[in-house]
Protein backbone atom coordinates (compact mmCIF):
# COMPACT_ATOMS: atom_id res chain seq x y z
CA MET A 1 6.92 -23.02 -16.04
CA GLN A 2 10.52 -22.85 -17.26
CA HIS A 3 12.60 -21.03 -14.72
CA ASN A 4 16.11 -20.51 -13.34
CA ILE A 5 17.12 -20.41 -9.68
CA SER A 6 20.33 -19.08 -8.12
CA HIS A 7 21.46 -18.43 -4.55
CA LEU A 8 23.61 -15.65 -3.19
CA GLU A 9 26.27 -16.43 -0.63
CA ASN A 10 23.96 -15.15 2.13
CA GLY A 11 21.24 -17.62 1.09
CA LEU A 12 18.99 -15.20 -0.81
CA ARG A 13 17.10 -17.03 -3.56
CA ILE A 14 16.80 -15.50 -7.04
CA ILE A 15 14.23 -16.89 -9.50
CA SER A 16 13.50 -15.85 -13.05
CA ALA A 17 11.28 -17.02 -15.90
CA ARG A 18 12.07 -15.64 -19.35
CA TRP A 19 9.25 -14.64 -21.70
CA GLU A 20 10.90 -13.38 -24.87
CA HIS A 21 7.60 -12.42 -26.51
CA VAL A 22 6.87 -9.55 -24.07
CA GLU A 23 8.49 -6.15 -23.62
CA THR A 24 8.06 -5.91 -19.86
CA VAL A 25 9.25 -7.57 -16.67
CA SER A 26 7.57 -8.04 -13.29
CA VAL A 27 10.04 -8.17 -10.43
CA GLY A 28 9.49 -8.35 -6.70
CA VAL A 29 10.77 -9.29 -3.28
CA TRP A 30 8.64 -11.70 -1.24
CA VAL A 31 9.26 -12.00 2.48
CA ASN A 32 7.97 -14.90 4.56
CA THR A 33 6.54 -12.69 7.28
CA GLY A 34 3.20 -11.07 8.05
CA SER A 35 0.68 -10.68 10.84
CA ALA A 36 0.99 -14.39 11.76
CA TYR A 37 4.59 -13.66 12.82
CA GLU A 38 3.81 -10.69 15.07
CA THR A 39 3.60 -10.54 18.84
CA PRO A 40 0.50 -8.95 20.40
CA GLU A 41 2.52 -5.83 21.22
CA VAL A 42 3.27 -5.07 17.56
CA ASN A 43 0.16 -6.38 15.79
CA GLY A 44 -0.02 -4.48 12.50
CA ILE A 45 3.70 -3.75 12.23
CA SER A 46 4.21 -5.83 9.04
CA HIS A 47 1.56 -3.80 7.22
CA PHE A 48 2.78 -0.50 8.66
CA LEU A 49 6.34 -1.31 7.59
CA GLU A 50 5.08 -1.98 4.08
CA HIS A 51 3.69 1.57 4.05
CA MET A 52 6.72 3.23 5.62
CA SER A 53 9.29 1.55 3.39
CA PHE A 54 8.27 3.88 0.56
CA LYS A 55 8.45 7.05 2.68
CA GLY A 56 12.09 7.88 2.14
CA THR A 57 15.52 6.22 2.16
CA LYS A 58 19.12 7.33 2.55
CA ASN A 59 19.17 7.90 -1.21
CA ARG A 60 15.65 8.96 -2.18
CA THR A 61 12.76 10.98 -0.82
CA ALA A 62 9.27 9.49 -0.87
CA LEU A 63 8.47 11.57 -3.95
CA GLN A 64 11.63 10.47 -5.75
CA ILE A 65 10.76 6.80 -5.18
CA CYS A 66 7.41 7.35 -6.92
CA GLU A 67 8.80 9.58 -9.65
CA GLU A 68 11.69 7.34 -10.70
CA ILE A 69 9.40 4.37 -11.25
CA GLU A 70 6.61 6.33 -12.94
CA ASP A 71 8.96 8.48 -15.05
CA ALA A 72 10.04 5.19 -16.64
CA GLY A 73 6.42 4.23 -17.27
CA GLY A 74 6.44 1.58 -14.56
CA GLN A 75 4.32 0.92 -11.51
CA SER A 76 5.14 -0.37 -8.06
CA ASN A 77 3.18 -1.54 -5.07
CA ALA A 78 3.25 -3.79 -2.02
CA TYR A 79 0.92 -5.92 0.07
CA THR A 80 0.82 -7.72 3.40
CA SER A 81 -1.02 -10.94 4.24
CA HIS A 82 -1.01 -13.23 7.26
CA GLU A 83 2.20 -14.97 6.20
CA PHE A 84 3.74 -12.89 3.39
CA THR A 85 4.83 -9.35 2.63
CA ALA A 86 5.62 -8.44 -0.97
CA PHE A 87 7.23 -5.44 -2.68
CA TYR A 88 7.09 -5.45 -6.48
CA ALA A 89 7.29 -3.42 -9.67
CA GLN A 90 6.38 -3.87 -13.34
CA MET A 91 8.65 -2.12 -15.82
CA LEU A 92 9.76 -2.09 -19.43
CA LYS A 93 12.45 -4.73 -19.91
CA ASN A 94 15.34 -2.23 -20.15
CA ASP A 95 14.39 -0.68 -16.80
CA LEU A 96 14.95 -3.84 -14.73
CA PRO A 97 18.13 -2.31 -13.15
CA LEU A 98 16.09 0.66 -11.92
CA ALA A 99 13.39 -1.58 -10.44
CA VAL A 100 15.92 -3.76 -8.58
CA ASP A 101 17.76 -0.67 -7.33
CA VAL A 102 14.58 0.95 -5.96
CA LEU A 103 13.40 -2.28 -4.32
CA ALA A 104 16.81 -2.78 -2.71
CA ASP A 105 16.77 0.81 -1.49
CA VAL A 106 13.33 0.72 0.14
CA LEU A 107 14.01 -2.66 1.78
CA GLN A 108 17.47 -1.87 3.16
CA ASN A 109 17.86 1.90 3.44
CA SER A 110 14.52 3.27 4.64
CA VAL A 111 15.07 5.97 7.27
CA PHE A 112 11.49 6.33 8.58
CA PRO A 113 11.49 10.13 8.97
CA GLU A 114 9.47 11.37 11.91
CA ASP A 115 7.19 13.64 9.87
CA GLU A 116 6.32 10.73 7.57
CA LEU A 117 5.74 8.46 10.56
CA GLN A 118 3.22 10.88 12.00
CA LYS A 119 1.34 11.23 8.72
CA GLU A 120 1.39 7.55 7.79
CA ARG A 121 0.13 6.43 11.21
CA GLU A 122 -3.03 8.42 10.56
CA VAL A 123 -3.25 7.15 6.96
CA VAL A 124 -3.23 3.57 8.22
CA VAL A 125 -5.72 4.41 10.98
CA GLN A 126 -8.02 5.71 8.23
CA GLU A 127 -7.53 2.41 6.42
CA ILE A 128 -8.45 0.55 9.62
CA ASN A 129 -11.55 2.70 10.10
CA GLN A 130 -12.57 2.13 6.49
CA ALA A 131 -12.33 -1.63 7.01
CA ILE A 132 -14.37 -1.40 10.24
CA ASP A 133 -17.05 0.58 8.36
CA THR A 134 -17.22 -2.08 5.62
CA PRO A 135 -19.24 -4.94 7.13
CA ASP A 136 -18.51 -7.53 4.45
CA ASP A 137 -14.81 -6.81 5.05
CA VAL A 138 -14.55 -6.59 8.83
CA VAL A 139 -16.69 -9.70 9.34
CA PHE A 140 -13.76 -11.72 7.97
CA ASP A 141 -11.50 -10.23 10.66
CA TYR A 142 -14.01 -11.29 13.32
CA PHE A 143 -14.20 -14.71 11.67
CA GLN A 144 -10.41 -15.16 11.72
CA ARG A 145 -10.22 -14.04 15.34
CA THR A 146 -12.96 -16.47 16.38
CA ALA A 147 -11.37 -19.37 14.51
CA PHE A 148 -7.87 -18.72 15.96
CA PRO A 149 -8.43 -16.99 19.33
CA ASP A 150 -5.43 -15.57 21.22
CA GLN A 151 -3.09 -16.36 18.33
CA ALA A 152 -1.20 -14.23 15.84
CA LEU A 153 -3.10 -15.92 13.00
CA GLY A 154 -6.33 -14.68 14.56
CA ARG A 155 -5.24 -11.05 14.79
CA THR A 156 -5.90 -8.55 12.01
CA ILE A 157 -3.35 -7.70 9.34
CA LEU A 158 -3.92 -3.96 9.82
CA GLY A 159 -3.72 -4.10 13.63
CA PRO A 160 -5.65 -1.93 16.10
CA ALA A 161 -5.47 1.85 15.75
CA ASP A 162 -3.99 2.45 19.22
CA LEU A 163 -1.04 0.15 18.47
CA VAL A 164 -0.43 1.68 15.04
CA ARG A 165 -0.28 5.12 16.62
CA SER A 166 2.39 3.83 19.02
CA PHE A 167 4.81 2.51 16.37
CA THR A 168 8.14 4.35 16.32
CA ARG A 169 11.24 4.26 14.15
CA GLU A 170 12.81 1.90 16.68
CA THR A 171 9.79 -0.44 16.49
CA LEU A 172 10.18 -0.68 12.73
CA GLN A 173 13.94 -1.16 12.86
CA ASN A 174 13.63 -3.94 15.46
CA TYR A 175 11.05 -5.74 13.34
CA ILE A 176 13.29 -5.56 10.27
CA GLN A 177 16.23 -6.82 12.32
CA ASN A 178 14.24 -9.83 13.52
CA ASN A 179 12.20 -10.73 10.45
CA TYR A 180 13.89 -9.50 7.27
CA ALA A 181 16.82 -11.73 6.31
CA ALA A 182 18.01 -13.62 3.26
CA GLU A 183 16.79 -17.04 4.43
CA ASN A 184 13.13 -16.00 4.36
CA MET A 185 13.21 -13.81 1.25
CA VAL A 186 12.92 -14.56 -2.47
CA ILE A 187 13.51 -12.23 -5.40
CA CYS A 188 11.62 -13.23 -8.52
CA ALA A 189 11.39 -11.69 -11.99
CA VAL A 190 9.16 -12.86 -14.86
CA GLY A 191 9.10 -11.40 -18.36
CA ASN A 192 11.77 -10.39 -20.84
CA VAL A 193 14.59 -10.90 -18.35
CA ASP A 194 18.07 -12.37 -18.57
CA HIS A 195 18.78 -14.53 -15.53
CA ASN A 196 22.49 -13.75 -15.31
CA GLN A 197 21.79 -10.03 -15.48
CA LEU A 198 19.22 -10.38 -12.70
CA VAL A 199 21.64 -12.32 -10.49
CA ASN A 200 24.36 -9.70 -10.98
CA LEU A 201 21.94 -6.87 -10.20
CA VAL A 202 20.71 -8.60 -7.04
CA ARG A 203 24.24 -9.53 -5.94
CA SER A 204 25.37 -5.91 -6.25
CA ARG A 205 22.48 -4.62 -4.13
CA PHE A 206 21.44 -7.37 -1.71
CA SER A 207 24.71 -9.09 -0.72
CA ALA A 208 24.84 -7.19 2.57
CA LEU A 209 21.50 -8.65 3.66
CA ARG A 210 21.71 -10.62 6.91
CA PRO A 211 21.58 -14.39 6.34
CA LYS A 212 19.36 -15.46 9.26
CA THR A 213 16.15 -14.31 10.91
CA ASN A 214 15.71 -13.98 14.65
CA PHE A 215 12.11 -14.81 15.50
CA LYS A 216 9.85 -17.70 16.45
CA ALA A 217 6.49 -18.08 14.78
CA ASP A 218 3.38 -18.36 16.95
CA ARG A 219 1.42 -21.61 16.99
CA GLN A 220 -1.41 -22.11 14.52
CA HIS A 221 -4.19 -24.04 16.20
CA TYR A 222 -7.77 -23.89 14.95
CA GLU A 223 -10.37 -23.75 17.73
CA GLY A 224 -13.60 -22.25 16.41
CA GLY A 225 -16.41 -20.59 18.33
CA PHE A 226 -19.18 -18.02 18.06
CA TYR A 227 -19.30 -14.24 17.63
CA GLN A 228 -22.11 -11.88 16.63
CA GLU A 229 -22.46 -8.11 16.44
CA GLU A 230 -25.67 -6.32 15.58
CA ARG A 231 -25.47 -3.17 13.44
CA PRO A 232 -28.20 -0.94 12.01
CA ILE A 233 -27.59 -1.96 8.39
CA GLU A 234 -29.77 -3.67 5.80
CA GLN A 235 -27.97 -7.01 5.57
CA ALA A 236 -26.68 -9.75 7.81
CA HIS A 237 -23.20 -10.97 6.90
CA VAL A 238 -22.71 -14.58 7.91
CA LEU A 239 -19.60 -16.76 7.97
CA LEU A 240 -19.59 -20.42 8.90
CA GLY A 241 -16.19 -22.07 9.10
CA PHE A 242 -14.34 -25.25 9.99
CA LYS A 243 -10.81 -26.53 10.38
CA GLY A 244 -9.15 -26.82 6.97
CA VAL A 245 -5.82 -28.30 5.91
CA GLU A 246 -2.38 -26.70 5.88
CA TYR A 247 -0.06 -26.12 2.93
CA GLY A 248 1.64 -29.34 1.90
CA SER A 249 -1.16 -31.60 3.11
CA ASP A 250 -2.13 -34.55 0.91
CA ASP A 251 -5.69 -33.23 1.24
CA TYR A 252 -4.85 -29.77 -0.14
CA TYR A 253 -6.30 -30.48 -3.59
CA PRO A 254 -9.29 -32.56 -2.39
CA GLN A 255 -10.24 -29.63 -0.15
CA LEU A 256 -10.09 -27.22 -3.10
CA VAL A 257 -12.29 -29.56 -5.14
CA LEU A 258 -14.74 -29.77 -2.23
CA SER A 259 -14.92 -25.97 -2.04
CA SER A 260 -15.51 -25.70 -5.77
CA ILE A 261 -18.37 -28.21 -5.71
CA LEU A 262 -19.99 -26.72 -2.63
CA GLY A 263 -19.65 -23.00 -3.36
CA GLY A 264 -17.17 -22.29 -6.12
CA GLY A 265 -19.35 -20.69 -8.78
CA THR A 266 -22.84 -20.06 -10.06
CA SER A 267 -23.32 -23.78 -10.80
CA SER A 268 -22.23 -24.78 -7.28
CA ARG A 269 -24.59 -26.39 -4.80
CA LEU A 270 -24.79 -23.40 -2.47
CA PHE A 271 -25.40 -20.83 -5.21
CA GLN A 272 -28.06 -22.95 -6.86
CA GLU A 273 -29.90 -23.91 -3.67
CA VAL A 274 -29.56 -20.69 -1.66
CA ARG A 275 -29.82 -18.05 -4.36
CA GLU A 276 -31.32 -19.52 -7.52
CA LYS A 277 -33.96 -21.78 -5.97
CA ARG A 278 -34.81 -19.87 -2.79
CA GLY A 279 -33.71 -16.26 -3.43
CA LEU A 280 -32.24 -15.94 0.07
CA VAL A 281 -29.02 -14.10 -0.86
CA TYR A 282 -27.31 -12.03 -3.50
CA THR A 283 -23.84 -13.41 -2.70
CA THR A 284 -22.75 -16.75 -1.30
CA TYR A 285 -19.61 -18.82 -1.79
CA SER A 286 -17.19 -21.13 -0.03
CA PHE A 287 -13.41 -20.84 0.30
CA ALA A 288 -10.45 -22.84 1.55
CA ASN A 289 -7.52 -20.92 3.09
CA SER A 290 -4.36 -22.86 3.89
CA TYR A 291 -1.55 -21.67 6.14
CA THR A 292 1.83 -23.07 7.13
CA GLY A 293 0.49 -24.94 10.14
CA SER A 294 -3.29 -24.97 9.81
CA GLY A 295 -6.20 -24.15 7.54
CA LEU A 296 -9.66 -22.62 7.46
CA PHE A 297 -12.62 -23.72 5.35
CA GLY A 298 -15.43 -21.19 5.20
CA ILE A 299 -18.83 -20.35 3.76
CA TYR A 300 -19.95 -16.72 3.35
CA ALA A 301 -23.44 -15.35 2.71
CA GLY A 302 -24.97 -11.89 2.80
CA THR A 303 -28.70 -11.89 3.46
CA GLY A 304 -31.61 -9.81 4.77
CA LYS A 305 -32.73 -10.08 8.38
CA GLU A 306 -36.00 -11.70 7.33
CA GLU A 307 -34.17 -14.36 5.33
CA LEU A 308 -31.52 -15.02 8.00
CA LYS A 309 -33.57 -17.49 10.00
CA THR A 310 -34.13 -19.58 6.84
CA LEU A 311 -30.61 -19.29 5.43
CA MET A 312 -28.51 -21.22 7.94
CA PRO A 313 -30.68 -24.36 8.09
CA VAL A 314 -30.42 -24.55 4.28
CA VAL A 315 -26.62 -24.11 4.41
CA CYS A 316 -26.37 -26.79 7.09
CA ASP A 317 -28.50 -29.11 4.96
CA GLU A 318 -26.09 -28.67 2.03
CA ILE A 319 -23.17 -29.50 4.32
CA CYS A 320 -24.95 -32.63 5.50
CA LYS A 321 -25.78 -33.67 1.93
CA ILE A 322 -22.22 -33.48 0.69
CA CYS A 323 -21.07 -35.56 3.67
CA GLY A 324 -23.88 -38.06 3.45
CA GLU A 325 -23.72 -38.87 -0.23
CA LYS A 326 -21.09 -38.71 -2.95
CA ALA A 327 -20.99 -35.78 -5.33
CA SER A 328 -21.83 -36.61 -8.93
CA GLN A 329 -19.17 -37.33 -11.53
CA ARG A 330 -20.34 -34.27 -13.44
CA GLU A 331 -19.75 -32.05 -10.39
CA LEU A 332 -16.30 -33.53 -9.90
CA ASP A 333 -15.37 -33.04 -13.56
CA ARG A 334 -16.65 -29.46 -13.52
CA ALA A 335 -14.68 -28.61 -10.37
CA LYS A 336 -11.49 -30.05 -11.82
CA ILE A 337 -11.75 -28.19 -15.10
CA GLN A 338 -12.54 -24.94 -13.26
CA MET A 339 -9.45 -25.36 -11.10
CA LYS A 340 -7.20 -26.23 -14.03
CA ALA A 341 -8.55 -23.38 -16.14
CA GLY A 342 -8.10 -20.88 -13.31
CA MET A 343 -4.53 -22.06 -12.71
CA LEU A 344 -3.58 -21.97 -16.40
CA MET A 345 -5.16 -18.53 -16.89
CA SER A 346 -3.11 -17.17 -13.98
CA LEU A 347 0.04 -18.33 -15.79
CA GLU A 348 -0.63 -15.82 -18.57
CA SER A 349 0.19 -12.87 -16.28
CA SER A 350 3.84 -12.13 -15.49
CA SER A 351 2.94 -10.58 -12.13
CA SER A 352 0.85 -13.62 -11.16
CA VAL A 353 3.59 -16.04 -12.19
CA SER A 354 6.24 -14.13 -10.24
CA GLU A 355 4.07 -14.38 -7.13
CA ILE A 356 3.37 -18.09 -7.68
CA LEU A 357 7.06 -18.92 -8.12
CA ALA A 358 8.16 -16.88 -5.11
CA ARG A 359 5.49 -18.19 -2.75
CA GLN A 360 6.09 -21.81 -3.76
CA HIS A 361 9.78 -21.50 -3.05
CA LEU A 362 9.15 -19.84 0.32
CA LEU A 363 6.64 -22.53 1.28
CA PHE A 364 8.20 -25.66 -0.20
CA ASN A 365 11.74 -24.64 -1.19
CA ARG A 366 10.96 -25.75 -4.74
CA ILE A 367 8.85 -24.83 -7.75
CA ILE A 368 5.94 -27.22 -8.32
CA PRO A 369 5.69 -28.13 -12.02
CA VAL A 370 2.36 -27.34 -13.68
CA ALA A 371 2.10 -30.97 -14.79
CA GLU A 372 2.38 -32.07 -11.15
CA MET A 373 -0.39 -29.70 -10.05
CA VAL A 374 -2.64 -30.87 -12.89
CA GLU A 375 -1.89 -34.48 -12.00
CA ARG A 376 -2.81 -33.93 -8.36
CA ILE A 377 -6.07 -32.22 -9.34
CA GLU A 378 -6.92 -35.08 -11.71
CA ALA A 379 -6.14 -37.64 -9.00
CA VAL A 380 -8.95 -36.39 -6.72
CA THR A 381 -11.80 -38.91 -6.57
CA LEU A 382 -15.41 -38.78 -5.42
CA ASP A 383 -14.38 -40.77 -2.35
CA ASP A 384 -11.70 -38.16 -1.59
CA VAL A 385 -14.27 -35.36 -1.74
CA ARG A 386 -16.66 -37.12 0.61
CA ARG A 387 -13.85 -38.10 2.98
CA ILE A 388 -12.42 -34.57 3.25
CA ALA A 389 -15.96 -33.17 3.64
CA CYS A 390 -16.60 -35.48 6.58
CA GLN A 391 -13.22 -34.55 8.06
CA VAL A 392 -13.64 -30.78 7.66
CA PHE A 393 -17.26 -30.57 8.80
CA ALA A 394 -16.65 -32.77 11.83
CA SER A 395 -14.51 -30.01 13.38
CA ASN A 396 -15.81 -27.39 15.79
CA PRO A 397 -17.64 -24.71 13.74
CA THR A 398 -16.72 -21.04 13.64
CA TYR A 399 -19.96 -19.05 13.37
CA THR A 400 -19.76 -15.28 12.88
CA LEU A 401 -22.60 -12.85 12.23
CA LEU A 402 -22.57 -9.09 11.68
CA GLY A 403 -25.36 -6.67 10.82
CA ALA A 404 -29.13 -6.94 10.83
CA LEU A 405 -29.74 -9.93 13.07
CA GLU A 406 -33.26 -11.14 13.66
CA LYS A 407 -33.70 -14.66 15.00
CA PRO A 408 -30.45 -16.07 13.61
CA MET A 409 -29.86 -19.78 13.99
CA ALA A 410 -28.20 -20.30 17.38
CA TYR A 411 -24.66 -21.67 17.55
CA GLU A 412 -25.89 -24.71 19.47
CA LYS A 413 -28.43 -25.42 16.72
CA VAL A 414 -25.69 -25.22 14.09
CA LEU A 415 -23.67 -27.75 16.07
CA GLU A 416 -26.68 -30.01 16.48
CA LYS A 417 -27.71 -29.79 12.83
CA ILE A 418 -24.28 -30.63 11.44
CA ARG A 419 -23.57 -33.38 13.95
CA GLU A 420 -26.78 -35.21 13.14
């Protein structure tokens, strides 16, 4: 990925990648903050701030923010995760100045009018309630909380409804003052963009940004444990997890290969054994989530209550197999090509590339060349896969169940089965 990087005097990083063959540009501001940087008293504030930033500034009403972007044929949005908050827009190439101006306005001049605060609190509460009513969504919140108990990383991104209803203009302003500063922000544009023009636009609108943040991140310490909740629904949603690796670990790529072999597609071990051979589930897969200071490896399955008692012993058997014997060369080759193909396909989207560049610079203070990522994927061996499997699955399990629960495998039995 050919790119240019500049720094403002306040430390704000500006990244661009020029694609002359397109007529559009994707531009955004990525902030290294999210629910993992919140205290218990303001859990959900990062996400609520993302909503409220578009509800009116010193220069624009909420409607004007929407209209100016859409009148130019563009689109804008934002998202919040555990460790990042992003605000971005995709525009025609000549409308880059408008996009930068609107992003600068919502990030630095939002006024948080009281009438909008009252309405948006209830909008977010509806979003929380929708997540709670979606079992294959909320089970992941329970899973995260069980894996990282009494930590910011274990709390939900949306926060609890009672806290959201308590957020005031002062709460939002204090959070911005503590967490939004040039040192933990990156502005990135990908598409038909001139780097010097981008730098000048950003300098004219973001130079007043404070250089330094004023917060301390909570610890990230995986613990694991057990949680179950019975609901009168047709399926049981099951998550089994273990301690994964953090960003920057030498085992980052071996863990991704392990996840691909175990549950990364329809040819994976879990899908073939659990669904194709036994018909126990409709959906099952594994995943590997890395964070700044920890990680979480997980396996998800949705099954009927009659199949539940059979499902977990089979999953545990697959875990034991991948630890007890090497994967095949064919499985390793397939996992590698899937990872490389997925990575290269993502580089065909300007919005995806802008996110990749921004997140890499926030995490590592550099852009990782594609050739380096490919090389690290290729370097993973069968011994690496078995070694990281034994390391991951030796940790204390996180076992979370939600829904129709009839004779599920007990947590102690899961421990016993895996530790055999």
